[in-house]
N, C-alpha and C. Protein backbone atom coordinates (compact mmCIF):
# COMPACT_ATOMS: atom_id res chain seq x y z
N MET A 1 1.28 -1.12 -5.58
CA MET A 1 0.00 -1.05 -6.25
C MET A 1 -0.34 -2.43 -6.82
N ASP A 2 -1.58 -2.85 -6.66
CA ASP A 2 -2.04 -4.08 -7.28
C ASP A 2 -2.17 -3.86 -8.78
N PRO A 3 -1.85 -4.87 -9.58
CA PRO A 3 -2.00 -4.73 -11.03
C PRO A 3 -3.46 -4.48 -11.40
N ILE A 4 -3.65 -3.72 -12.46
CA ILE A 4 -4.98 -3.48 -13.01
C ILE A 4 -4.97 -4.00 -14.44
N LEU A 5 -5.83 -4.96 -14.71
CA LEU A 5 -5.96 -5.48 -16.06
C LEU A 5 -6.73 -4.47 -16.89
N HIS A 6 -6.26 -4.23 -18.12
CA HIS A 6 -6.83 -3.20 -18.98
C HIS A 6 -7.08 -3.80 -20.36
N LEU A 7 -8.21 -3.43 -20.95
CA LEU A 7 -8.56 -3.84 -22.30
C LEU A 7 -9.16 -2.64 -23.01
N SER A 8 -8.77 -2.43 -24.25
CA SER A 8 -9.29 -1.32 -25.05
C SER A 8 -9.98 -1.89 -26.28
N LEU A 9 -11.21 -1.41 -26.54
CA LEU A 9 -11.99 -1.90 -27.67
C LEU A 9 -12.49 -0.76 -28.53
N PRO A 10 -12.53 -0.95 -29.85
CA PRO A 10 -13.14 0.05 -30.72
C PRO A 10 -14.65 -0.06 -30.67
N VAL A 11 -15.33 1.09 -30.73
CA VAL A 11 -16.79 1.10 -30.75
C VAL A 11 -17.28 2.08 -31.81
N ILE A 12 -18.52 1.91 -32.19
CA ILE A 12 -19.14 2.76 -33.21
C ILE A 12 -19.71 4.02 -32.58
N ASP A 13 -20.44 3.86 -31.48
CA ASP A 13 -21.14 4.97 -30.85
C ASP A 13 -20.87 4.95 -29.35
N LEU A 14 -20.10 5.93 -28.86
CA LEU A 14 -19.72 5.97 -27.44
C LEU A 14 -20.93 6.09 -26.52
N ASP A 15 -21.88 6.94 -26.85
CA ASP A 15 -23.04 7.13 -25.98
C ASP A 15 -23.86 5.84 -25.86
N GLU A 16 -24.05 5.16 -26.97
CA GLU A 16 -24.81 3.91 -26.96
C GLU A 16 -24.07 2.85 -26.13
N CYS A 17 -22.76 2.77 -26.29
CA CYS A 17 -21.98 1.79 -25.53
C CYS A 17 -21.92 2.16 -24.05
N LYS A 18 -21.86 3.44 -23.75
CA LYS A 18 -21.89 3.89 -22.36
C LYS A 18 -23.18 3.42 -21.69
N ARG A 19 -24.30 3.61 -22.34
CA ARG A 19 -25.59 3.16 -21.78
C ARG A 19 -25.59 1.65 -21.58
N PHE A 20 -25.08 0.93 -22.56
CA PHE A 20 -25.04 -0.53 -22.47
C PHE A 20 -24.21 -1.00 -21.28
N TYR A 21 -22.98 -0.54 -21.19
CA TYR A 21 -22.09 -1.02 -20.13
C TYR A 21 -22.53 -0.55 -18.74
N VAL A 22 -23.01 0.67 -18.64
CA VAL A 22 -23.38 1.22 -17.33
C VAL A 22 -24.79 0.77 -16.93
N GLU A 23 -25.76 0.97 -17.81
CA GLU A 23 -27.16 0.70 -17.44
C GLU A 23 -27.54 -0.78 -17.57
N GLN A 24 -27.09 -1.45 -18.62
CA GLN A 24 -27.49 -2.84 -18.80
C GLN A 24 -26.59 -3.80 -18.03
N LEU A 25 -25.27 -3.62 -18.16
CA LEU A 25 -24.35 -4.53 -17.48
C LEU A 25 -24.07 -4.14 -16.04
N GLY A 26 -24.29 -2.88 -15.68
CA GLY A 26 -24.07 -2.44 -14.31
C GLY A 26 -22.64 -2.04 -14.00
N CYS A 27 -21.86 -1.73 -15.01
CA CYS A 27 -20.47 -1.29 -14.80
C CYS A 27 -20.46 0.13 -14.24
N ASP A 28 -19.42 0.45 -13.48
CA ASP A 28 -19.22 1.82 -13.01
C ASP A 28 -18.51 2.62 -14.09
N LEU A 29 -18.99 3.83 -14.30
CA LEU A 29 -18.36 4.73 -15.26
C LEU A 29 -17.12 5.34 -14.63
N ALA A 30 -16.04 5.41 -15.36
CA ALA A 30 -14.80 6.02 -14.88
C ALA A 30 -14.53 7.26 -15.73
N ARG A 31 -13.38 7.33 -16.35
CA ARG A 31 -13.01 8.52 -17.12
C ARG A 31 -13.85 8.66 -18.39
N GLU A 32 -14.10 9.91 -18.73
CA GLU A 32 -14.73 10.26 -20.01
C GLU A 32 -13.89 11.36 -20.63
N ARG A 33 -13.44 11.13 -21.83
CA ARG A 33 -12.67 12.12 -22.56
C ARG A 33 -13.17 12.16 -24.00
N GLU A 34 -12.72 13.12 -24.74
CA GLU A 34 -13.06 13.19 -26.16
C GLU A 34 -12.56 11.93 -26.85
N GLY A 35 -13.48 11.15 -27.39
CA GLY A 35 -13.11 9.97 -28.16
C GLY A 35 -13.02 8.67 -27.38
N PHE A 36 -13.12 8.70 -26.05
CA PHE A 36 -13.11 7.44 -25.32
C PHE A 36 -13.75 7.59 -23.94
N ILE A 37 -14.15 6.45 -23.40
CA ILE A 37 -14.61 6.37 -22.02
C ILE A 37 -14.01 5.11 -21.39
N ASP A 38 -13.88 5.14 -20.08
CA ASP A 38 -13.48 3.96 -19.32
C ASP A 38 -14.65 3.53 -18.46
N VAL A 39 -14.86 2.23 -18.37
CA VAL A 39 -15.80 1.66 -17.42
C VAL A 39 -15.06 0.57 -16.64
N TRP A 40 -15.55 0.30 -15.44
CA TRP A 40 -15.00 -0.79 -14.63
C TRP A 40 -15.88 -2.02 -14.83
N PHE A 41 -15.33 -2.98 -15.55
CA PHE A 41 -16.02 -4.23 -15.87
C PHE A 41 -15.47 -5.31 -14.94
N TYR A 42 -16.11 -5.47 -13.78
CA TYR A 42 -15.73 -6.50 -12.81
C TYR A 42 -14.23 -6.48 -12.51
N GLY A 43 -13.69 -5.30 -12.24
CA GLY A 43 -12.28 -5.16 -11.90
C GLY A 43 -11.36 -4.90 -13.08
N LEU A 44 -11.86 -5.02 -14.28
CA LEU A 44 -11.11 -4.75 -15.50
C LEU A 44 -11.36 -3.31 -15.93
N GLN A 45 -10.29 -2.57 -16.18
CA GLN A 45 -10.44 -1.22 -16.74
C GLN A 45 -10.67 -1.39 -18.24
N LEU A 46 -11.91 -1.17 -18.66
CA LEU A 46 -12.29 -1.34 -20.06
C LEU A 46 -12.42 0.02 -20.71
N THR A 47 -11.58 0.26 -21.71
CA THR A 47 -11.61 1.52 -22.44
C THR A 47 -12.34 1.30 -23.75
N LEU A 48 -13.34 2.11 -23.98
CA LEU A 48 -14.13 2.06 -25.21
C LEU A 48 -13.75 3.27 -26.04
N GLN A 49 -13.15 3.01 -27.19
CA GLN A 49 -12.64 4.08 -28.03
C GLN A 49 -13.47 4.23 -29.29
N HIS A 50 -13.80 5.48 -29.61
CA HIS A 50 -14.58 5.77 -30.80
C HIS A 50 -13.70 5.60 -32.05
N HIS A 51 -13.71 4.40 -32.59
CA HIS A 51 -12.98 4.05 -33.82
C HIS A 51 -13.85 3.11 -34.64
N PRO A 52 -14.95 3.64 -35.19
CA PRO A 52 -15.89 2.76 -35.91
C PRO A 52 -15.25 2.00 -37.07
N GLU A 53 -14.21 2.55 -37.65
CA GLU A 53 -13.55 1.89 -38.78
C GLU A 53 -12.81 0.61 -38.35
N GLN A 54 -12.59 0.44 -37.04
CA GLN A 54 -11.88 -0.75 -36.54
C GLN A 54 -12.80 -1.82 -35.97
N VAL A 55 -14.10 -1.55 -35.94
CA VAL A 55 -15.06 -2.52 -35.41
C VAL A 55 -15.21 -3.65 -36.42
N LEU A 56 -15.17 -4.90 -35.92
CA LEU A 56 -15.31 -6.06 -36.79
C LEU A 56 -16.74 -6.23 -37.27
N ALA A 57 -16.87 -6.67 -38.50
CA ALA A 57 -18.19 -7.03 -39.02
C ALA A 57 -18.67 -8.28 -38.30
N PRO A 58 -19.99 -8.45 -38.12
CA PRO A 58 -20.50 -9.62 -37.40
C PRO A 58 -19.94 -10.96 -37.90
N ALA A 59 -19.74 -11.10 -39.18
CA ALA A 59 -19.22 -12.36 -39.73
C ALA A 59 -17.77 -12.60 -39.33
N ASP A 60 -17.06 -11.56 -38.90
CA ASP A 60 -15.64 -11.68 -38.55
C ASP A 60 -15.40 -11.88 -37.06
N ARG A 61 -16.46 -12.00 -36.27
CA ARG A 61 -16.29 -12.10 -34.81
C ARG A 61 -15.51 -13.33 -34.39
N GLY A 62 -15.80 -14.46 -34.97
CA GLY A 62 -15.08 -15.68 -34.62
C GLY A 62 -15.12 -15.97 -33.14
N VAL A 63 -13.97 -16.33 -32.57
CA VAL A 63 -13.89 -16.68 -31.16
C VAL A 63 -13.41 -15.52 -30.30
N ARG A 64 -13.12 -14.37 -30.89
CA ARG A 64 -12.60 -13.24 -30.11
C ARG A 64 -13.68 -12.73 -29.17
N HIS A 65 -13.35 -12.74 -27.88
CA HIS A 65 -14.28 -12.25 -26.87
C HIS A 65 -13.51 -12.01 -25.57
N PHE A 66 -14.16 -11.38 -24.62
CA PHE A 66 -13.64 -11.27 -23.27
C PHE A 66 -14.81 -11.57 -22.36
N GLY A 67 -14.55 -11.73 -21.06
CA GLY A 67 -15.67 -12.07 -20.21
C GLY A 67 -15.34 -12.05 -18.74
N VAL A 68 -16.28 -12.58 -17.98
CA VAL A 68 -16.15 -12.62 -16.53
C VAL A 68 -16.81 -13.90 -16.03
N THR A 69 -16.21 -14.47 -14.97
CA THR A 69 -16.79 -15.61 -14.28
C THR A 69 -17.39 -15.10 -12.98
N LEU A 70 -18.66 -15.40 -12.77
CA LEU A 70 -19.41 -14.92 -11.61
C LEU A 70 -19.91 -16.09 -10.79
N GLY A 71 -20.39 -15.79 -9.60
CA GLY A 71 -21.09 -16.79 -8.82
C GLY A 71 -22.39 -17.14 -9.52
N ALA A 72 -22.91 -18.32 -9.24
CA ALA A 72 -24.11 -18.81 -9.94
C ALA A 72 -25.30 -17.87 -9.78
N ASP A 73 -25.55 -17.40 -8.56
CA ASP A 73 -26.69 -16.50 -8.33
C ASP A 73 -26.51 -15.18 -9.05
N GLU A 74 -25.31 -14.63 -9.00
CA GLU A 74 -25.04 -13.35 -9.67
C GLU A 74 -25.20 -13.48 -11.18
N LEU A 75 -24.72 -14.60 -11.74
CA LEU A 75 -24.88 -14.82 -13.18
C LEU A 75 -26.36 -14.94 -13.54
N ARG A 76 -27.11 -15.70 -12.77
CA ARG A 76 -28.54 -15.88 -13.04
C ARG A 76 -29.26 -14.53 -13.04
N GLU A 77 -28.96 -13.69 -12.05
CA GLU A 77 -29.60 -12.37 -11.97
C GLU A 77 -29.20 -11.48 -13.15
N LEU A 78 -27.92 -11.50 -13.51
CA LEU A 78 -27.46 -10.69 -14.63
C LEU A 78 -28.10 -11.14 -15.93
N LEU A 79 -28.14 -12.44 -16.18
CA LEU A 79 -28.73 -12.94 -17.42
C LEU A 79 -30.22 -12.62 -17.50
N ALA A 80 -30.92 -12.69 -16.39
CA ALA A 80 -32.35 -12.35 -16.39
C ALA A 80 -32.54 -10.87 -16.70
N ARG A 81 -31.71 -10.02 -16.11
CA ARG A 81 -31.80 -8.57 -16.37
C ARG A 81 -31.49 -8.27 -17.84
N LEU A 82 -30.46 -8.91 -18.38
CA LEU A 82 -30.10 -8.68 -19.78
C LEU A 82 -31.20 -9.16 -20.72
N ASP A 83 -31.81 -10.28 -20.38
CA ASP A 83 -32.89 -10.81 -21.22
C ASP A 83 -34.05 -9.82 -21.29
N GLU A 84 -34.33 -9.14 -20.18
CA GLU A 84 -35.41 -8.15 -20.14
C GLU A 84 -35.09 -6.90 -20.96
N THR A 85 -33.80 -6.61 -21.15
CA THR A 85 -33.42 -5.38 -21.84
C THR A 85 -33.24 -5.57 -23.35
N GLY A 86 -33.42 -6.79 -23.83
CA GLY A 86 -33.32 -7.00 -25.27
C GLY A 86 -31.89 -7.03 -25.78
N VAL A 87 -30.98 -7.59 -25.01
CA VAL A 87 -29.58 -7.68 -25.40
C VAL A 87 -29.43 -8.60 -26.61
N GLU A 88 -28.37 -8.42 -27.38
CA GLU A 88 -28.08 -9.30 -28.52
C GLU A 88 -27.37 -10.54 -28.00
N TRP A 89 -28.04 -11.69 -28.07
CA TRP A 89 -27.44 -12.95 -27.64
C TRP A 89 -26.62 -13.53 -28.78
N VAL A 90 -25.36 -13.74 -28.55
CA VAL A 90 -24.51 -14.42 -29.52
C VAL A 90 -24.65 -15.92 -29.29
N SER A 91 -24.73 -16.31 -28.02
CA SER A 91 -24.94 -17.70 -27.63
C SER A 91 -25.77 -17.68 -26.35
N ARG A 92 -26.97 -18.19 -26.42
CA ARG A 92 -27.84 -18.20 -25.23
C ARG A 92 -27.27 -19.11 -24.15
N VAL A 93 -27.76 -18.95 -22.95
CA VAL A 93 -27.23 -19.69 -21.80
C VAL A 93 -27.33 -21.20 -22.03
N HIS A 94 -26.23 -21.87 -21.74
CA HIS A 94 -26.17 -23.32 -21.84
C HIS A 94 -25.11 -23.83 -20.86
N THR A 95 -25.14 -25.12 -20.59
CA THR A 95 -24.21 -25.73 -19.64
C THR A 95 -23.37 -26.77 -20.37
N ASP A 96 -22.06 -26.68 -20.18
CA ASP A 96 -21.11 -27.66 -20.72
C ASP A 96 -20.64 -28.56 -19.58
N HIS A 97 -20.34 -29.82 -19.89
CA HIS A 97 -19.77 -30.78 -18.94
C HIS A 97 -20.64 -30.96 -17.70
N ALA A 98 -21.95 -30.97 -17.88
CA ALA A 98 -22.88 -31.09 -16.75
C ALA A 98 -22.57 -32.30 -15.89
N GLY A 99 -22.64 -32.10 -14.59
CA GLY A 99 -22.45 -33.19 -13.65
C GLY A 99 -21.00 -33.56 -13.37
N THR A 100 -20.06 -32.80 -13.95
CA THR A 100 -18.64 -33.07 -13.70
C THR A 100 -18.03 -31.88 -12.98
N ALA A 101 -16.79 -32.04 -12.55
CA ALA A 101 -16.08 -30.94 -11.89
C ALA A 101 -15.82 -29.78 -12.85
N LEU A 102 -15.90 -30.04 -14.14
CA LEU A 102 -15.67 -28.99 -15.14
C LEU A 102 -16.95 -28.29 -15.58
N GLU A 103 -18.07 -28.60 -14.93
CA GLU A 103 -19.35 -28.01 -15.33
C GLU A 103 -19.28 -26.49 -15.32
N GLN A 104 -19.71 -25.90 -16.43
CA GLN A 104 -19.78 -24.44 -16.53
C GLN A 104 -21.03 -24.05 -17.29
N THR A 105 -21.69 -23.02 -16.78
CA THR A 105 -22.87 -22.46 -17.42
C THR A 105 -22.47 -21.11 -17.97
N LYS A 106 -22.81 -20.86 -19.23
CA LYS A 106 -22.32 -19.63 -19.86
C LYS A 106 -23.25 -19.15 -20.96
N ALA A 107 -23.03 -17.90 -21.31
CA ALA A 107 -23.73 -17.28 -22.43
C ALA A 107 -22.80 -16.22 -23.01
N LYS A 108 -23.05 -15.87 -24.26
CA LYS A 108 -22.30 -14.79 -24.89
C LYS A 108 -23.29 -13.75 -25.40
N ILE A 109 -22.93 -12.48 -25.17
CA ILE A 109 -23.73 -11.36 -25.65
C ILE A 109 -22.81 -10.47 -26.47
N ALA A 110 -23.41 -9.53 -27.18
CA ALA A 110 -22.63 -8.55 -27.93
C ALA A 110 -23.02 -7.16 -27.46
N ASP A 111 -22.01 -6.29 -27.35
CA ASP A 111 -22.31 -4.90 -27.04
C ASP A 111 -22.84 -4.23 -28.32
N PRO A 112 -23.26 -2.98 -28.27
CA PRO A 112 -23.84 -2.35 -29.45
C PRO A 112 -22.91 -2.26 -30.67
N SER A 113 -21.60 -2.42 -30.43
CA SER A 113 -20.65 -2.41 -31.55
C SER A 113 -20.25 -3.81 -31.97
N GLY A 114 -20.85 -4.83 -31.36
CA GLY A 114 -20.58 -6.20 -31.74
C GLY A 114 -19.44 -6.86 -30.99
N ASN A 115 -18.84 -6.18 -30.01
CA ASN A 115 -17.80 -6.81 -29.20
C ASN A 115 -18.46 -7.88 -28.34
N VAL A 116 -17.91 -9.09 -28.37
CA VAL A 116 -18.54 -10.23 -27.72
C VAL A 116 -18.04 -10.38 -26.28
N ILE A 117 -19.00 -10.62 -25.37
CA ILE A 117 -18.72 -10.74 -23.94
C ILE A 117 -19.27 -12.09 -23.47
N GLU A 118 -18.41 -12.88 -22.84
CA GLU A 118 -18.85 -14.16 -22.28
C GLU A 118 -19.10 -13.99 -20.78
N LEU A 119 -20.23 -14.49 -20.33
CA LEU A 119 -20.62 -14.45 -18.93
C LEU A 119 -20.81 -15.88 -18.48
N LYS A 120 -20.10 -16.30 -17.41
CA LYS A 120 -20.22 -17.70 -17.03
C LYS A 120 -20.01 -17.91 -15.55
N THR A 121 -20.32 -19.14 -15.14
CA THR A 121 -20.09 -19.59 -13.78
C THR A 121 -19.63 -21.04 -13.84
N TYR A 122 -18.82 -21.44 -12.86
CA TYR A 122 -18.38 -22.82 -12.73
C TYR A 122 -19.09 -23.46 -11.55
N ALA A 123 -19.50 -24.72 -11.69
CA ALA A 123 -20.07 -25.45 -10.56
C ALA A 123 -19.01 -25.63 -9.48
N VAL A 124 -17.76 -25.85 -9.90
CA VAL A 124 -16.62 -25.97 -9.00
C VAL A 124 -15.64 -24.86 -9.42
N PRO A 125 -15.68 -23.70 -8.73
CA PRO A 125 -14.88 -22.56 -9.16
C PRO A 125 -13.39 -22.85 -9.36
N ASP A 126 -12.81 -23.75 -8.56
CA ASP A 126 -11.38 -24.07 -8.73
C ASP A 126 -11.08 -24.72 -10.07
N ALA A 127 -12.10 -25.25 -10.74
CA ALA A 127 -11.89 -25.87 -12.05
C ALA A 127 -11.35 -24.88 -13.07
N ALA A 128 -11.64 -23.59 -12.87
CA ALA A 128 -11.14 -22.57 -13.79
C ALA A 128 -9.64 -22.44 -13.73
N PHE A 129 -9.04 -22.88 -12.63
CA PHE A 129 -7.61 -22.73 -12.43
C PHE A 129 -6.84 -24.03 -12.55
N THR A 130 -7.53 -25.08 -12.99
CA THR A 130 -6.87 -26.39 -13.14
C THR A 130 -5.82 -26.28 -14.24
N MET A 131 -4.61 -26.65 -13.88
CA MET A 131 -3.49 -26.60 -14.81
C MET A 131 -3.13 -28.03 -15.22
N PRO A 132 -2.80 -28.23 -16.51
CA PRO A 132 -2.36 -29.57 -16.93
C PRO A 132 -1.05 -29.94 -16.24
N ARG A 133 -0.88 -31.22 -16.02
CA ARG A 133 0.36 -31.69 -15.37
C ARG A 133 1.35 -32.17 -16.38
């Protein structure tokens, strides 16, 4: 069996988060049980658990986030769709290291419970795997 990466996040409202991940982000819905749901987030099994007491306050978000790297066209289409749906932008789309092999275009959004998601693309996809020598 190929490994499956899994992440579990606390959420305030399961129905609201289900709509966000399935309808806005385009994730496939997987298991639904009392107190949690699973969605497939670009190959990641993402479990959303109803634990509102564990959701971070907006001021406590800091750098904690998860995300996905997409092709440039796919990212552009996703960001345009999200912009039309009134998503909460944590960091609007911008490009770092423009004109270099490390160029990356990215944005951060928040789900309805404030969990931060980074969406990005690399001009040179192999740059994501560059290891220091």
